[in-house]
C-alpha cells in the first residue's frame, strides 16, 4: 500500500514538473510574440496589453491543455499567431 502511494506521489510530482516547464516555455513564447507585434504596430496605436494574458496559475492548472492558444484571448491570439516561433 505504501509503495502505491509513493508511485502516485512520484507521478504527480513528475507531471507537475513537466507541466510547469511547458507552461513557462509557452508563456515565454506568447509574451515574446506580443512584444514583437507591439514593435511592428506601435505607430498604428494597435498595442497589445499584457492584461489579456491569463495568470500563470490558471495556465498551469489547465491539466489537459499543453498548448499556447488559450493563454491569451482569441482576438489577441490571431494577431500574434504569425510571430510565435
C-alpha atoms as a PDB file:
ATOM      1  CA  UNK A   1       0.000   0.000   0.000  1.00  0.00           C
ATOM      2  CA  UNK A   2       2.819   2.390   0.855  1.00  0.00           C
ATOM      3  CA  UNK A   3       4.587   1.642  -2.436  1.00  0.00           C
ATOM      4  CA  UNK A   4       1.463   2.526  -4.426  1.00  0.00           C
ATOM      5  CA  UNK A   5       1.155   5.845  -2.598  1.00  0.00           C
ATOM      6  CA  UNK A   6       4.812   6.608  -3.314  1.00  0.00           C
ATOM      7  CA  UNK A   7       4.307   5.817  -7.021  1.00  0.00           C
ATOM      8  CA  UNK A   8       1.247   8.051  -7.172  1.00  0.00           C
ATOM      9  CA  UNK A   9       3.116  10.898  -5.481  1.00  0.00           C
ATOM     10  CA  UNK A  10       6.056  10.461  -7.855  1.00  0.00           C
ATOM     11  CA  UNK A  11       3.722  10.506 -10.862  1.00  0.00           C
ATOM     12  CA  UNK A  12       2.037  13.696  -9.661  1.00  0.00           C
ATOM     13  CA  UNK A  13       5.436  15.276  -8.959  1.00  0.00           C
ATOM     14  CA  UNK A  14       6.788  14.440 -12.428  1.00  0.00           C
ATOM     15  CA  UNK A  15       3.555  15.533 -14.088  1.00  0.00           C
ATOM     16  CA  UNK A  16       3.667  18.942 -12.423  1.00  0.00           C
ATOM     17  CA  UNK A  17       7.382  19.298 -13.155  1.00  0.00           C
ATOM     18  CA  UNK A  18       6.849  18.844 -16.890  1.00  0.00           C
ATOM     19  CA  UNK A  19       3.594  20.817 -16.908  1.00  0.00           C
ATOM     20  CA  UNK A  20       5.332  23.704 -15.139  1.00  0.00           C
ATOM     21  CA  UNK A  21       8.195  23.614 -17.643  1.00  0.00           C
ATOM     22  CA  UNK A  22       5.748  23.572 -20.556  1.00  0.00           C
ATOM     23  CA  UNK A  23       3.734  26.439 -19.061  1.00  0.00           C
ATOM     24  CA  UNK A  24       6.870  28.548 -18.676  1.00  0.00           C
ATOM     25  CA  UNK A  25       8.011  27.910 -22.255  1.00  0.00           C
ATOM     26  CA  UNK A  26       4.590  28.578 -23.786  1.00  0.00           C
ATOM     27  CA  UNK A  27       4.035  31.785 -21.820  1.00  0.00           C
ATOM     28  CA  UNK A  28       7.503  32.952 -22.818  1.00  0.00           C
ATOM     29  CA  UNK A  29       6.661  32.323 -26.500  1.00  0.00           C
ATOM     30  CA  UNK A  30       3.381  34.221 -26.247  1.00  0.00           C
ATOM     31  CA  UNK A  31       4.880  37.198 -24.407  1.00  0.00           C
ATOM     32  CA  UNK A  32       7.774  37.381 -26.869  1.00  0.00           C
ATOM     33  CA  UNK A  33       5.306  37.298 -29.779  1.00  0.00           C
ATOM     34  CA  UNK A  34       3.291  40.107 -28.163  1.00  0.00           C
ATOM     35  CA  UNK A  35       6.470  42.176 -27.773  1.00  0.00           C
ATOM     36  CA  UNK A  36       7.378  41.627 -31.429  1.00  0.00           C
ATOM     37  CA  UNK A  37       3.837  42.509 -32.519  1.00  0.00           C
ATOM     38  CA  UNK A  38       3.963  45.719 -30.490  1.00  0.00           C
ATOM     39  CA  UNK A  39       7.317  46.644 -32.044  1.00  0.00           C
ATOM     40  CA  UNK A  40       5.818  46.430 -35.536  1.00  0.00           C
ATOM     41  CA  UNK A  41       2.467  48.088 -34.751  1.00  0.00           C
ATOM     42  CA  UNK A  42       3.282  50.854 -32.287  1.00  0.00           C
ATOM     43  CA  UNK A  43       2.736  53.577 -34.918  1.00  0.00           C
ATOM     44  CA  UNK A  44      -0.748  52.258 -35.678  1.00  0.00           C
ATOM     45  CA  UNK A  45      -1.703  52.616 -31.992  1.00  0.00           C
ATOM     46  CA  UNK A  46      -2.524  48.905 -32.037  1.00  0.00           C
ATOM     47  CA  UNK A  47      -0.613  47.973 -28.910  1.00  0.00           C
ATOM     48  CA  UNK A  48      -1.369  44.687 -27.149  1.00  0.00           C
ATOM     49  CA  UNK A  49      -1.640  44.838 -23.384  1.00  0.00           C
ATOM     50  CA  UNK A  50      -0.349  42.208 -21.003  1.00  0.00           C
ATOM     51  CA  UNK A  51      -3.753  42.355 -19.302  1.00  0.00           C
ATOM     52  CA  UNK A  52      -5.086  39.933 -21.941  1.00  0.00           C
ATOM     53  CA  UNK A  53      -2.695  37.211 -20.701  1.00  0.00           C
ATOM     54  CA  UNK A  54      -4.139  34.857 -18.126  1.00  0.00           C
ATOM     55  CA  UNK A  55      -2.333  34.193 -14.878  1.00  0.00           C
ATOM     56  CA  UNK A  56       0.458  31.646 -14.622  1.00  0.00           C
ATOM     57  CA  UNK A  57      -1.520  29.562 -12.155  1.00  0.00           C
ATOM     58  CA  UNK A  58      -4.551  29.401 -14.443  1.00  0.00           C
ATOM     59  CA  UNK A  59      -2.365  28.189 -17.282  1.00  0.00           C
ATOM     60  CA  UNK A  60      -0.637  25.651 -15.050  1.00  0.00           C
ATOM     61  CA  UNK A  61      -3.878  24.221 -13.672  1.00  0.00           C
ATOM     62  CA  UNK A  62      -5.426  23.512 -17.081  1.00  0.00           C
ATOM     63  CA  UNK A  63      -4.275  19.908 -16.798  1.00  0.00           C
ATOM     64  CA  UNK A  64      -5.043  18.650 -20.314  1.00  0.00           C
ATOM     65  CA  UNK A  65      -4.083  21.787 -22.263  1.00  0.00           C
ATOM     66  CA  UNK A  66      -0.370  21.797 -23.139  1.00  0.00           C
ATOM     67  CA  UNK A  67      -0.589  24.404 -25.934  1.00  0.00           C
ATOM     68  CA  UNK A  68      -0.378  28.172 -26.004  1.00  0.00           C
ATOM     69  CA  UNK A  69      -3.633  29.064 -27.784  1.00  0.00           C
ATOM     70  CA  UNK A  70      -5.628  29.624 -24.609  1.00  0.00           C
ATOM     71  CA  UNK A  71      -3.047  31.735 -22.776  1.00  0.00           C
ATOM     72  CA  UNK A  72      -4.394  34.921 -24.375  1.00  0.00           C
ATOM     73  CA  UNK A  73      -7.804  35.956 -25.633  1.00  0.00           C
ATOM     74  CA  UNK A  74      -8.823  34.691 -29.074  1.00  0.00           C
ATOM     75  CA  UNK A  75      -8.575  38.117 -30.718  1.00  0.00           C
ATOM     76  CA  UNK A  76      -5.080  38.664 -29.348  1.00  0.00           C
ATOM     77  CA  UNK A  77      -4.013  35.180 -30.400  1.00  0.00           C
ATOM     78  CA  UNK A  78      -4.997  35.803 -34.031  1.00  0.00           C
ATOM     79  CA  UNK A  79      -2.919  38.988 -34.018  1.00  0.00           C
ATOM     80  CA  UNK A  80       0.243  37.317 -32.682  1.00  0.00           C
ATOM     81  CA  UNK A  81      -0.134  33.931 -34.373  1.00  0.00           C
ATOM     82  CA  UNK A  82       2.397  34.814 -37.081  1.00  0.00           C
ATOM     83  CA  UNK A  83       5.013  35.953 -34.547  1.00  0.00           C
ATOM     84  CA  UNK A  84       5.086  32.781 -32.436  1.00  0.00           C
ATOM     85  CA  UNK A  85       8.245  30.767 -33.052  1.00  0.00           C
END
